[in-house]
Amino acid sequence: MNIIRALILSFIFSSGNTLSAQHAINLSIEHYVQDEPLVFNQASQTHERHAFDVTRMQYYLSEISVLDEDGNTHSFDSLWVFVDASVATDVELGSGSMDSIVSITIHVGVDSAHNHLDPSSWPNDHPLAHKTPSMHWGWANGYRFNAMEGNAGENLTESYELHGVGDENYFSVTVPTAAGVVNDVIDVTVYANYAEVLRGLDISGGIISHGPIYEAQTSLENMRDYVFGSEVPESTVMDSEDSNALAIAEMPEAASVLLFPNPTSAHQVRLLGFDPNGASITVDILDARGVHVMKHQLPIGTNKIDVSDLSSGIYLISLATKTASGTQRNWVRFLKL
């Protein structure tokens, strides 16, 4: 009997050792404009070289989840985050049995199940309670998913306001990370470059766009595609060649870098002959006019690029990696059928 009891205890002890302990999980968002920490009322430039500053940057996050090292997804339900970029954003997500996190998924906005509820129904300190200035658009459209305001134009004399709403504009963003346990806590840091909210928008004469379409919708699409990353942002202001919209035939190409299949009508292509030396790869896709249309950040060890959203045409794909001497950039042409 003693032998059996000892075997049972030994099995329980050894099995318990194979399980990851519970660790607190925190999310921090670092607020940037281009490659500098966000400073309100400080002049900067958009991707297209339009001058602007920021006087308000607020948005909601909901339906947050993380992916652990074993491929398990941990979701944090009943959690909404009101991000006000004028103050530090540090959020306790909860806890989970894991030792490291490889990616975090966030949704910009408020999920449809709660988007059309009365803000007065929440306690005053709840993220979805009434805000001043208001983050609620009304019963039909619900909450403002984002609210970015500031000044633009040559002398910053024009005003812009972008307030995006609408269940159809509730987008998810997945950011790769490499967060491990430190002092029994896993801290996940996401970097946000708010200049990218304005990508593709001519704000030089000012813009006022509130609603689910037009420039307000573009601002939410840009938050989905360009704003968030796992590293300190680099400036995305176009250089003089980009601002002249060089034809794709004039752009350089690295002969050693191949895409397969190319041309293709498939949803993904693979990188061949490209060794990032253990670094993550930032992928920018330009159309035939030299205008940026898409951006990806590939996790370390990944060589597949999602091209499912590209329409038929000729593209130039930029592959950027950070090295000890700076950023190394390679180019390759791509034909989407």
Foldseek 3Di string as FASTA:
>chain_A
DVVVVVVVVVVVVVVVVVWFDKFWEKEWEFDAAALHGADAPDWDAFQLGWIWGWDWKKFKKAFKWFAAPVRDIDTQHPDMDIDTSVDTDMGGRGIDRGFKTFKMKIKQHDAPVPQQDALCVDPPPHNSHADVVGQADHNPFGGQSIWIKTFTAPVSPAIAIATATHNVLTAMAMETETWGDDPRHTYQYKYFHQSQLCAPPDCNRYYYDHYHDDSNSSSSVSRRFPTIYRDRHHGSHDDPVLSQQDFPVPDDADPQWDWPPFAEQDQKIFIPRDDLPQFWKKKWKAFRSSGTDGIDIGRGPDGMDGPNPPDFHKIKIWIWTADPVGIDIHIDIGGHD
